[in-house]
Amino acid sequence: MNVLTLYAYCFLQSTPSDTLPFSGRVAAADIDVKGTVYVVDSAYRFCKWDHQKNSICNSVAQYGEGVIVDADNPMEPMLFFQNTGMLIITDNQLNTTGSISLLSQNNIKPGGFGRANDGGVWIFDDNSSTLKKLDRSGMVVQESMVLCAKGNKNRKACNILDNGRLIVITTPQNTTLVLNMNLNVLAELPEKDGRCVDLSANRLLLFNQGEIWLTEPFEGSGKRRPASRQKAGIYIGGALLSLRGNKSLSETSGVVILQTH
């Protein structure tokens, strides 16, 4: 097993760099609003590191594979396992507080997952090409119209972003759909524009060829708008794992790097 090293680079005056040990490749990762790092490694250990280098690790290998981490709420990090459809809810010590089998209650082919702003969860169903909101019991409580052509191939599930103003999903065709809270499509961005990695009010942050771009505001008019962009002045070396606020997590040359921008 390769050994990765987790570096925290804070580009603030007199702020030192911190180095934290991490074993194995990264299967999934996220950052919460406080800058705490959450990583699932290749052995499916779910770990987190805070600013004081304190670490907690628990095994989640029993729940499945194809994992996505959503740490939008640091008091309740979530894990979704694509192959089993298991949703695992944890507390801030990574203890499991709830588990829901989404596939057992719904005939879905999950192509996307994310926490809903109201505490529910979003699933993009590649079988129906619809976006579905599920409650904590696994029941579908909201569903969109058909949003795109159906995906004929299995794909790795993508993150769904929801900040209470906009919802952003990646389609099986790798385009980016921007929706309002009524699930009306505001825009469709082509794959060449990059991958949406965070939301800032009613704007998208797109990662494209090592740079972060900020889109124009998307209003709630229900009309498709052009995707004019401007550079955000953030440059990422390697593969971007997560972006939240002014912090990014990326992997390059055998190390995982946490940056403050």
Protein backbone atom coordinates (compact mmCIF):
# COMPACT_ATOMS: atom_id res chain seq x y z
CA MET A 1 0.00 0.00 0.00
CA ASN A 2 1.40 3.38 -0.97
CA VAL A 3 1.79 6.03 1.69
CA LEU A 4 0.32 9.44 0.98
CA THR A 5 1.13 12.47 3.05
CA LEU A 6 -1.47 15.06 3.81
CA TYR A 7 -0.04 18.58 3.67
CA ALA A 8 -1.94 21.63 4.90
CA TYR A 9 -0.71 24.77 3.20
CA CYS A 10 -2.21 27.99 4.54
CA PHE A 11 -1.14 30.99 2.49
CA LEU A 12 -1.52 33.40 5.39
CA GLN A 13 1.33 35.39 6.90
CA SER A 14 3.27 33.43 9.58
CA THR A 15 1.01 30.38 9.16
CA PRO A 16 3.16 27.19 9.11
CA SER A 17 2.62 24.15 6.93
CA ASP A 18 1.34 21.05 8.67
CA THR A 19 2.01 17.45 7.63
CA LEU A 20 -0.34 14.62 8.55
CA PRO A 21 0.26 10.91 7.73
CA PHE A 22 -2.27 9.13 5.57
CA SER A 23 -2.07 5.54 4.29
CA GLY A 24 -3.52 4.30 1.02
CA ARG A 25 -4.99 6.00 -2.00
CA VAL A 26 -8.01 8.28 -1.70
CA ALA A 27 -11.39 6.71 -2.53
CA ALA A 28 -13.36 9.84 -1.58
CA ALA A 29 -12.75 13.08 0.27
CA ASP A 30 -14.43 16.29 1.40
CA ILE A 31 -13.85 19.40 3.53
CA ASP A 32 -16.37 20.91 5.92
CA VAL A 33 -17.00 24.62 6.49
CA LYS A 34 -14.42 24.67 9.31
CA GLY A 35 -11.68 23.25 7.08
CA THR A 36 -11.72 19.79 8.68
CA VAL A 37 -10.61 17.11 6.20
CA TYR A 38 -12.57 13.87 5.67
CA VAL A 39 -11.05 11.01 3.65
CA VAL A 40 -12.04 7.44 2.80
CA ASP A 41 -8.93 5.47 1.85
CA SER A 42 -8.55 2.37 -0.32
CA ALA A 43 -9.10 0.11 2.72
CA TYR A 44 -12.37 1.99 3.30
CA ARG A 45 -11.32 3.61 6.55
CA PHE A 46 -13.26 6.83 7.10
CA CYS A 47 -10.93 9.39 8.70
CA LYS A 48 -10.98 13.06 9.63
CA TRP A 49 -8.31 15.56 10.68
CA ASP A 50 -8.94 18.86 12.44
CA HIS A 51 -6.70 21.93 12.75
CA GLN A 52 -4.93 20.50 15.81
CA LYS A 53 -3.91 17.38 13.85
CA ASN A 54 -6.31 15.28 15.89
CA SER A 55 -7.50 12.31 13.84
CA ILE A 56 -10.37 9.83 14.04
CA CYS A 57 -10.69 6.73 11.84
CA ASN A 58 -13.45 4.13 11.61
CA SER A 59 -13.89 1.28 9.13
CA VAL A 60 -16.82 1.54 6.72
CA ALA A 61 -15.82 -1.39 4.49
CA GLN A 62 -18.92 -3.36 5.46
CA TYR A 63 -21.29 -0.91 3.72
CA GLY A 64 -20.18 -1.21 0.10
CA GLU A 65 -18.02 0.44 -2.55
CA GLY A 66 -18.12 3.47 -4.83
CA VAL A 67 -18.27 5.87 -1.90
CA ILE A 68 -19.08 9.59 -1.84
CA VAL A 69 -18.42 11.75 1.24
CA ASP A 70 -20.64 14.76 1.97
CA ALA A 71 -19.39 16.85 4.92
CA ASP A 72 -21.54 19.92 4.26
CA ASN A 73 -22.82 19.61 7.84
CA PRO A 74 -19.79 18.99 10.12
CA MET A 75 -22.08 17.70 12.86
CA GLU A 76 -23.48 15.03 10.52
CA PRO A 77 -21.11 13.83 7.77
CA MET A 78 -22.75 11.43 5.32
CA LEU A 79 -21.44 8.57 3.21
CA PHE A 80 -23.18 7.09 0.18
CA PHE A 81 -22.13 3.75 -1.32
CA GLN A 82 -23.12 3.49 -4.97
CA ASN A 83 -23.01 -0.29 -5.43
CA THR A 84 -25.23 -1.09 -2.42
CA GLY A 85 -27.25 2.12 -2.20
CA MET A 86 -26.43 2.42 1.51
CA LEU A 87 -26.59 5.88 3.06
CA ILE A 88 -24.59 6.14 6.30
CA ILE A 89 -25.13 9.09 8.64
CA THR A 90 -22.45 9.78 11.26
CA ASP A 91 -21.87 12.23 14.09
CA ASN A 92 -18.90 14.56 14.47
CA GLN A 93 -16.88 11.67 15.96
CA LEU A 94 -17.65 9.52 12.89
CA ASN A 95 -19.88 7.17 14.86
CA THR A 96 -22.71 5.77 12.73
CA THR A 97 -26.03 7.22 13.89
CA GLY A 98 -28.20 5.98 11.04
CA SER A 99 -28.15 3.77 7.94
CA ILE A 100 -30.69 3.66 5.12
CA SER A 101 -30.82 1.22 2.22
CA LEU A 102 -32.02 3.44 -0.63
CA LEU A 103 -31.93 0.71 -3.30
CA SER A 104 -34.13 -1.64 -1.29
CA GLN A 105 -37.00 0.86 -1.32
CA ASN A 106 -36.54 2.37 -4.79
CA ASN A 107 -35.64 0.95 -8.19
CA ILE A 108 -32.90 3.48 -8.80
CA LYS A 109 -29.60 3.54 -10.62
CA PRO A 110 -27.71 6.20 -8.66
CA GLY A 111 -25.62 8.50 -10.84
CA GLY A 112 -25.41 11.31 -8.31
CA PHE A 113 -25.70 11.91 -4.58
CA GLY A 114 -25.71 14.90 -2.24
CA ARG A 115 -27.20 16.36 0.90
CA ALA A 116 -30.29 18.50 0.38
CA ASN A 117 -30.25 21.92 2.03
CA ASP A 118 -33.24 20.97 4.20
CA GLY A 119 -31.55 17.85 5.60
CA GLY A 120 -32.87 15.29 3.12
CA VAL A 121 -30.77 13.70 0.38
CA TRP A 122 -30.68 14.04 -3.39
CA ILE A 123 -30.25 11.11 -5.76
CA PHE A 124 -29.97 11.47 -9.53
CA ASP A 125 -31.57 8.33 -10.98
CA ASP A 126 -29.93 7.27 -14.24
CA ASN A 127 -32.82 4.85 -14.86
CA SER A 128 -35.41 7.61 -15.05
CA SER A 129 -33.09 10.60 -15.70
CA THR A 130 -34.80 12.43 -12.85
CA LEU A 131 -33.59 14.11 -9.69
CA LYS A 132 -35.19 12.68 -6.55
CA LYS A 133 -35.25 13.99 -3.00
CA LEU A 134 -35.51 11.33 -0.30
CA ASP A 135 -36.32 11.74 3.36
CA ARG A 136 -34.50 10.04 6.23
CA SER A 137 -36.64 6.93 5.83
CA GLY A 138 -35.62 6.54 2.18
CA MET A 139 -38.98 7.61 0.75
CA VAL A 140 -39.10 9.83 -2.36
CA VAL A 141 -40.68 13.16 -1.39
CA GLN A 142 -39.89 15.21 -4.51
CA GLU A 143 -39.01 14.35 -8.11
CA SER A 144 -38.14 16.42 -11.15
CA MET A 145 -39.31 16.03 -14.72
CA VAL A 146 -37.05 14.03 -17.06
CA LEU A 147 -33.92 16.17 -17.26
CA CYS A 148 -31.79 14.55 -19.95
CA ALA A 149 -31.29 11.51 -22.15
CA LYS A 150 -30.93 8.27 -20.23
CA GLY A 151 -27.46 7.01 -19.50
CA ASN A 152 -26.76 3.68 -21.20
CA LYS A 153 -23.56 2.96 -19.27
CA ASN A 154 -22.74 2.65 -15.61
CA ARG A 155 -20.83 5.64 -14.26
CA LYS A 156 -19.22 6.68 -11.03
CA ALA A 157 -21.74 8.66 -9.00
CA CYS A 158 -21.15 12.42 -9.03
CA ASN A 159 -21.68 14.90 -6.22
CA ILE A 160 -24.93 16.88 -6.18
CA LEU A 161 -24.62 20.40 -4.76
CA ASP A 162 -27.45 22.28 -3.03
CA ASN A 163 -27.01 25.59 -1.17
CA GLY A 164 -30.67 26.48 -0.78
CA ARG A 165 -30.60 28.69 -3.88
CA LEU A 166 -29.30 26.42 -6.61
CA ILE A 167 -29.03 22.69 -7.20
CA VAL A 168 -26.31 21.44 -9.55
CA ILE A 169 -26.04 17.95 -11.02
CA THR A 170 -23.86 16.20 -13.58
CA THR A 171 -25.78 14.28 -16.25
CA PRO A 172 -24.74 10.91 -17.74
CA GLN A 173 -23.59 12.94 -20.75
CA ASN A 174 -21.21 14.91 -18.45
CA THR A 175 -23.05 18.19 -18.91
CA THR A 176 -23.84 20.33 -15.86
CA LEU A 177 -27.45 21.19 -15.10
CA VAL A 178 -28.30 24.20 -12.91
CA LEU A 179 -31.74 24.06 -11.28
CA ASN A 180 -33.67 26.31 -8.93
CA MET A 181 -35.36 25.01 -5.79
CA ASN A 182 -38.53 24.23 -7.78
CA LEU A 183 -36.39 21.87 -9.92
CA ASN A 184 -36.73 24.07 -13.02
CA VAL A 185 -33.64 24.04 -15.24
CA LEU A 186 -31.90 27.42 -15.38
CA ALA A 187 -28.96 26.39 -17.56
CA GLU A 188 -27.06 23.50 -19.08
CA LEU A 189 -23.30 23.89 -19.29
CA PRO A 190 -21.24 21.75 -21.69
CA GLU A 191 -18.51 19.42 -20.40
CA LYS A 192 -15.81 21.71 -21.83
CA ASP A 193 -16.76 24.43 -19.33
CA GLY A 194 -15.49 22.24 -16.48
CA ARG A 195 -16.83 20.50 -13.40
CA CYS A 196 -18.89 22.34 -10.78
CA VAL A 197 -17.09 21.96 -7.44
CA ASP A 198 -18.82 24.53 -5.20
CA LEU A 199 -21.58 27.13 -5.07
CA SER A 200 -21.26 30.77 -4.01
CA ALA A 201 -24.73 32.26 -3.51
CA ASN A 202 -26.23 32.05 -7.02
CA ARG A 203 -22.95 31.42 -8.84
CA LEU A 204 -21.07 28.25 -9.72
CA LEU A 205 -17.37 27.58 -9.24
CA LEU A 206 -16.09 25.44 -12.09
CA PHE A 207 -12.83 23.50 -12.12
CA ASN A 208 -11.27 23.43 -15.57
CA GLN A 209 -7.67 22.56 -16.46
CA GLY A 210 -6.21 23.47 -13.09
CA GLU A 211 -8.13 26.73 -12.61
CA ILE A 212 -11.28 27.72 -10.76
CA TRP A 213 -13.74 29.85 -12.74
CA LEU A 214 -16.72 31.78 -11.37
CA THR A 215 -19.89 31.88 -13.49
CA GLU A 216 -22.38 34.68 -13.84
CA PRO A 217 -25.28 34.71 -11.35
CA PHE A 218 -28.12 32.34 -12.14
CA GLU A 219 -31.48 33.85 -11.26
CA GLY A 220 -34.72 32.04 -10.50
CA SER A 221 -36.43 33.00 -13.75
CA GLY A 222 -36.49 29.49 -15.15
CA LYS A 223 -34.76 30.63 -18.34
CA ARG A 224 -31.61 29.11 -19.70
CA ARG A 225 -28.74 31.58 -19.59
CA PRO A 226 -25.30 31.73 -21.18
CA ALA A 227 -22.42 30.58 -18.96
CA SER A 228 -20.13 33.62 -19.00
CA ARG A 229 -17.19 33.08 -16.64
CA GLN A 230 -14.35 34.87 -14.94
CA LYS A 231 -11.18 33.58 -13.31
CA ALA A 232 -11.42 33.22 -9.54
CA GLY A 233 -7.65 33.45 -9.12
CA ILE A 234 -7.41 29.93 -7.68
CA TYR A 235 -4.99 27.45 -9.22
CA ILE A 236 -5.01 23.76 -8.30
CA GLY A 237 -2.14 21.37 -8.96
CA GLY A 238 -3.23 17.80 -9.62
CA ALA A 239 -6.68 16.28 -9.18
CA LEU A 240 -9.14 18.40 -7.22
CA LEU A 241 -10.91 16.32 -4.55
CA SER A 242 -12.99 19.01 -2.84
CA LEU A 243 -13.48 22.78 -2.70
CA ARG A 244 -15.38 24.51 0.09
CA GLY A 245 -15.22 28.23 0.69
CA ASN A 246 -11.58 29.35 0.68
CA LYS A 247 -10.13 25.84 1.09
CA SER A 248 -9.33 23.18 -1.48
CA LEU A 249 -8.21 19.57 -1.23
CA SER A 250 -6.28 18.05 -4.11
CA GLU A 251 -4.10 15.03 -4.85
CA THR A 252 -0.88 15.16 -6.83
CA SER A 253 2.36 13.13 -7.03
CA GLY A 254 1.44 10.84 -4.16
CA VAL A 255 0.37 13.55 -1.70
CA VAL A 256 -2.92 15.13 -0.70
CA ILE A 257 -2.74 18.91 -0.34
CA LEU A 258 -5.03 21.18 1.68
CA GLN A 259 -4.75 24.81 0.62
CA THR A 260 -6.21 28.02 1.98
CA HIS A 261 -6.74 30.55 -0.81
